[in-house]
Amino acid sequence: MPVVKRFGGYVVKIFFADHNPPHVHVVSADFQALVSISDAAIFRGEIPAKFRGEVLEWISLNREFLMTEWEKVR
């Protein structure tokens, strides 16, 4: 499961051979969420408000990179 971005207390990962839709896992010791790459929408789990804006903006701005990484691990 490649880590594609490290933020202070959490990481963004893409798991090998994961299910559709294309998504990333946002993970810390205290929370976990699945976020769609296409629209940066959280579809499982939660991200605390103090981190949510930062990570969802990063996913939106890096959509092309994330889709390339998604294809590599599939």
Protein backbone atom coordinates (compact mmCIF):
# COMPACT_ATOMS: atom_id res chain seq x y z
CA MET A 1 0.00 0.00 0.00
CA PRO A 2 1.97 2.97 -1.25
CA VAL A 3 1.88 6.12 0.82
CA VAL A 4 1.33 8.92 -1.69
CA LYS A 5 1.38 11.85 0.76
CA ARG A 6 2.34 12.42 4.38
CA PHE A 7 0.74 15.19 6.36
CA GLY A 8 1.68 15.91 9.99
CA GLY A 9 -0.32 13.26 11.80
CA TYR A 10 -1.86 11.29 8.94
CA VAL A 11 -1.11 9.77 5.53
CA VAL A 12 -2.83 9.27 2.20
CA LYS A 13 -2.48 5.73 0.83
CA ILE A 14 -3.60 3.70 -2.16
CA PHE A 15 -4.00 -0.02 -1.50
CA PHE A 16 -2.88 -2.63 -4.04
CA ALA A 17 -5.69 -4.24 -6.07
CA ASP A 18 -8.35 -2.22 -4.22
CA HIS A 19 -12.02 -2.07 -5.20
CA ASN A 20 -13.69 0.58 -7.35
CA PRO A 21 -14.43 3.46 -7.38
CA PRO A 22 -10.87 4.84 -7.52
CA HIS A 23 -10.15 6.20 -4.05
CA VAL A 24 -7.53 6.88 -1.43
CA HIS A 25 -7.35 5.92 2.22
CA VAL A 26 -6.72 8.78 4.63
CA VAL A 27 -5.32 7.18 7.77
CA SER A 28 -4.03 8.22 11.18
CA ALA A 29 -3.90 6.57 14.58
CA ASP A 30 -7.23 8.24 15.41
CA PHE A 31 -9.26 8.10 12.20
CA GLN A 32 -9.64 6.47 8.81
CA ALA A 33 -11.64 7.42 5.73
CA LEU A 34 -12.04 6.48 2.09
CA VAL A 35 -12.13 9.42 -0.31
CA SER A 36 -13.10 9.27 -3.97
CA ILE A 37 -10.39 10.56 -6.28
CA SER A 38 -12.85 11.89 -8.88
CA ASP A 39 -14.65 14.35 -6.62
CA ALA A 40 -12.74 14.28 -3.29
CA ALA A 41 -15.88 13.09 -1.50
CA ILE A 42 -15.63 11.05 1.69
CA PHE A 43 -17.67 7.88 1.17
CA ARG A 44 -16.65 5.85 4.21
CA GLY A 45 -15.34 6.88 7.61
CA GLU A 46 -14.62 10.37 8.85
CA ILE A 47 -11.85 12.96 8.80
CA PRO A 48 -11.82 15.44 11.68
CA ALA A 49 -12.68 18.99 10.66
CA LYS A 50 -9.20 20.31 11.48
CA PHE A 51 -7.69 18.02 8.79
CA ARG A 52 -10.58 17.67 6.33
CA GLY A 53 -10.12 20.87 4.31
CA GLU A 54 -6.39 20.37 3.87
CA VAL A 55 -6.57 16.79 2.65
CA LEU A 56 -9.66 17.19 0.45
CA GLU A 57 -8.10 20.22 -1.24
CA TRP A 58 -4.87 18.28 -1.80
CA ILE A 59 -6.80 15.38 -3.34
CA SER A 60 -8.69 17.78 -5.63
CA LEU A 61 -5.51 19.50 -6.76
CA ASN A 62 -3.68 16.21 -7.34
CA ARG A 63 -6.43 14.20 -9.01
CA GLU A 64 -4.38 13.39 -12.12
CA PHE A 65 -1.38 12.20 -10.07
CA LEU A 66 -3.64 10.07 -7.86
CA MET A 67 -5.36 8.44 -10.85
CA THR A 68 -1.94 7.59 -12.30
CA GLU A 69 -0.93 6.02 -8.99
CA TRP A 70 -4.27 4.17 -8.79
CA GLU A 71 -3.65 2.64 -12.22
CA LYS A 72 -0.09 1.62 -11.28
CA VAL A 73 -1.22 -0.44 -8.28
CA ARG A 74 -4.19 -2.03 -10.04
